Amino acid sequence: MAYPPLIQHATEAECRAHFERVYCQGPLATFDGIQVRFRKRDFKHCFFESVREKDDTFSLRRAERVDWIKAALEDPTADLRIGWDNKRKALATDRRVAIVLHDYLVVIRISNDDAQRAEFVTAFVGGRRAILQARRNPPWPRA
C-alpha cells in the first residue's frame, strides 16, 4: 500500500489544524470496519516528545507523518499486534497496534461495549526497542 508523502508544517498550530480537520470531524474506519474516534486532546500526546519532561517538545518527525495515521488504519497489510499496558506491565487485549513501514506504530483502544468502535491512543516512529516489544506480542486476531 502506498503511503502519503511527508508533510512539512510551518508551525505547530498548522499541524494541529490539519489533525483536527482530518481526524476530529467524525470516526474513521479501519480496513476491517472498526470506527476509530479521535479527540482534539490526542494531538499533544501524538505529536510531542519528551525532552525534559513528559510531552514537552513539538516533534517535527511525528508531525510530518500526520497523514500516515489514516493510511495505517486503512492498511490491510499492517502487522497487527495485541497492545501493551505500561502501567500494569501486561498485554492489553483492548489495544491494537498496527506496525507499518517497518517502524511506524498506530495504537487504538477497542471499546469494551462494542468491538467495532475504538479510540485513537497514539502514533509514532518506534525505535528498535519499541518495535521489538510490539512484535513480541501475539498477533491481533483477524476475523
Protein backbone atom coordinates (compact mmCIF):
# COMPACT_ATOMS: atom_id res chain seq x y z
CA MET A 1 0.00 0.00 0.00
CA ALA A 2 1.31 3.44 -0.89
CA TYR A 3 1.62 5.89 1.98
CA PRO A 4 1.13 9.66 1.69
CA PRO A 5 4.20 11.86 1.40
CA LEU A 6 5.63 13.53 4.48
CA ILE A 7 4.13 16.95 5.24
CA GLN A 8 6.22 19.92 6.33
CA HIS A 9 4.07 22.08 8.63
CA ALA A 10 5.26 25.63 9.14
CA THR A 11 4.00 25.70 12.73
CA GLU A 12 2.53 23.55 15.48
CA ALA A 13 -0.77 25.42 15.00
CA GLU A 14 -0.83 24.46 11.31
CA CYS A 15 -0.29 20.80 12.17
CA ARG A 16 -2.98 20.96 14.87
CA ALA A 17 -5.48 22.46 12.41
CA HIS A 18 -4.70 19.70 9.89
CA PHE A 19 -5.10 16.99 12.56
CA GLU A 20 -8.43 18.40 13.74
CA ARG A 21 -9.73 18.79 10.16
CA VAL A 22 -8.76 15.28 9.05
CA TYR A 23 -9.31 13.26 12.21
CA CYS A 24 -11.63 15.00 14.67
CA GLN A 25 -14.70 15.57 12.48
CA GLY A 26 -16.02 12.05 12.90
CA PRO A 27 -14.84 8.47 13.14
CA LEU A 28 -12.53 6.95 10.55
CA ALA A 29 -12.98 3.33 9.54
CA THR A 30 -10.16 0.80 9.65
CA PHE A 31 -9.79 -1.66 6.77
CA ASP A 32 -11.81 -4.16 8.82
CA GLY A 33 -14.65 -1.82 9.74
CA ILE A 34 -13.69 -0.57 13.21
CA GLN A 35 -14.85 3.02 13.69
CA VAL A 36 -12.00 4.97 15.31
CA ARG A 37 -12.73 8.25 17.10
CA PHE A 38 -10.14 10.97 17.60
CA ARG A 39 -10.25 13.76 20.17
CA LYS A 40 -8.60 17.16 19.91
CA ARG A 41 -6.71 16.44 23.13
CA ASP A 42 -4.98 13.47 21.41
CA PHE A 43 -2.85 15.94 19.46
CA LYS A 44 -0.34 16.68 22.20
CA HIS A 45 0.34 13.06 23.10
CA CYS A 46 0.69 12.11 19.44
CA PHE A 47 2.86 14.97 18.18
CA PHE A 48 5.01 15.84 21.17
CA GLU A 49 8.07 14.07 22.55
CA SER A 50 9.56 14.10 26.00
CA VAL A 51 12.84 16.02 26.13
CA ARG A 52 12.98 17.35 29.70
CA GLU A 53 9.57 16.19 30.90
CA LYS A 54 6.60 14.28 29.50
CA ASP A 55 5.35 15.54 26.12
CA ASP A 56 7.13 18.91 26.32
CA THR A 57 8.50 19.37 22.77
CA PHE A 58 6.63 19.51 19.46
CA SER A 59 8.09 16.80 17.20
CA LEU A 60 8.56 17.63 13.53
CA ARG A 61 9.40 13.97 12.91
CA ARG A 62 6.00 12.91 14.23
CA ALA A 63 4.14 15.83 12.67
CA GLU A 64 5.36 15.17 9.14
CA ARG A 65 3.71 11.73 9.33
CA VAL A 66 0.28 13.03 10.34
CA ASP A 67 -1.37 11.53 7.26
CA TRP A 68 0.19 8.13 7.90
CA ILE A 69 -2.22 7.55 10.80
CA LYS A 70 -5.21 7.26 8.49
CA ALA A 71 -3.22 5.23 5.96
CA ALA A 72 -2.08 2.78 8.66
CA LEU A 73 -5.65 2.29 9.90
CA GLU A 74 -6.78 1.55 6.35
CA ASP A 75 -3.84 -0.76 5.52
CA PRO A 76 -4.94 -4.43 5.33
CA THR A 77 -1.27 -5.50 5.18
CA ALA A 78 -0.34 -3.86 8.51
CA ASP A 79 1.29 -6.12 11.09
CA LEU A 80 -1.43 -6.10 13.77
CA ARG A 81 -0.47 -6.96 17.34
CA ILE A 82 -2.12 -7.04 20.73
CA GLY A 83 -1.06 -3.97 22.68
CA TRP A 84 0.80 -3.47 25.93
CA ASP A 85 -0.28 -1.71 29.12
CA ASN A 86 2.78 0.04 30.55
CA LYS A 87 1.14 0.69 33.91
CA ARG A 88 0.20 -2.94 34.51
CA LYS A 89 3.21 -4.34 32.61
CA ALA A 90 0.92 -6.77 30.82
CA LEU A 91 -0.71 -7.44 27.48
CA ALA A 92 -3.72 -5.22 26.83
CA THR A 93 -6.21 -7.15 24.72
CA ASP A 94 -8.27 -4.00 24.24
CA ARG A 95 -5.38 -2.27 22.43
CA ARG A 96 -4.45 -2.94 18.85
CA VAL A 97 -1.10 -1.89 17.45
CA ALA A 98 -0.60 -1.53 13.71
CA ILE A 99 3.04 -1.65 12.62
CA VAL A 100 3.63 -0.30 9.13
CA LEU A 101 6.60 0.77 7.03
CA HIS A 102 8.96 -1.14 9.35
CA ASP A 103 8.87 1.34 12.25
CA TYR A 104 5.64 3.35 12.39
CA LEU A 105 3.12 2.35 15.05
CA VAL A 106 -0.53 3.36 15.45
CA VAL A 107 -2.34 2.33 18.62
CA ILE A 108 -6.10 2.21 19.11
CA ARG A 109 -8.18 1.10 22.12
CA ILE A 110 -11.18 -1.07 21.31
CA SER A 111 -14.40 -0.26 23.18
CA ASN A 112 -15.49 -2.70 25.87
CA ASP A 113 -19.10 -2.21 24.76
CA ASP A 114 -18.67 -2.63 21.00
CA ALA A 115 -15.75 -4.32 19.23
CA GLN A 116 -16.49 -2.24 16.13
CA ARG A 117 -15.69 1.05 17.93
CA ALA A 118 -12.34 2.32 19.11
CA GLU A 119 -10.49 5.40 20.30
CA PHE A 120 -7.19 6.59 18.93
CA VAL A 121 -4.39 6.34 21.51
CA THR A 122 -1.19 7.42 19.73
CA ALA A 123 1.08 7.09 16.71
CA PHE A 124 4.84 7.38 16.49
CA VAL A 125 8.05 6.31 14.81
CA GLY A 126 9.24 3.50 17.02
CA GLY A 127 12.80 2.92 17.98
CA ARG A 128 14.33 -0.54 17.80
CA ARG A 129 13.20 -1.39 21.34
CA ALA A 130 9.57 -0.33 20.79
CA ILE A 131 9.34 -2.29 17.54
CA LEU A 132 10.85 -5.43 19.09
CA GLN A 133 8.47 -5.18 22.08
CA ALA A 134 5.44 -4.75 19.82
CA ARG A 135 6.46 -7.67 17.60
CA ARG A 136 6.90 -9.93 20.64
CA ASN A 137 3.22 -9.51 21.43
CA PRO A 138 0.77 -12.02 19.93
CA PRO A 139 -0.82 -11.23 16.58
CA TRP A 140 -4.18 -9.46 16.71
CA PRO A 141 -6.90 -12.00 15.87
CA ARG A 142 -8.21 -11.27 12.39
CA ALA A 143 -11.81 -12.05 11.54
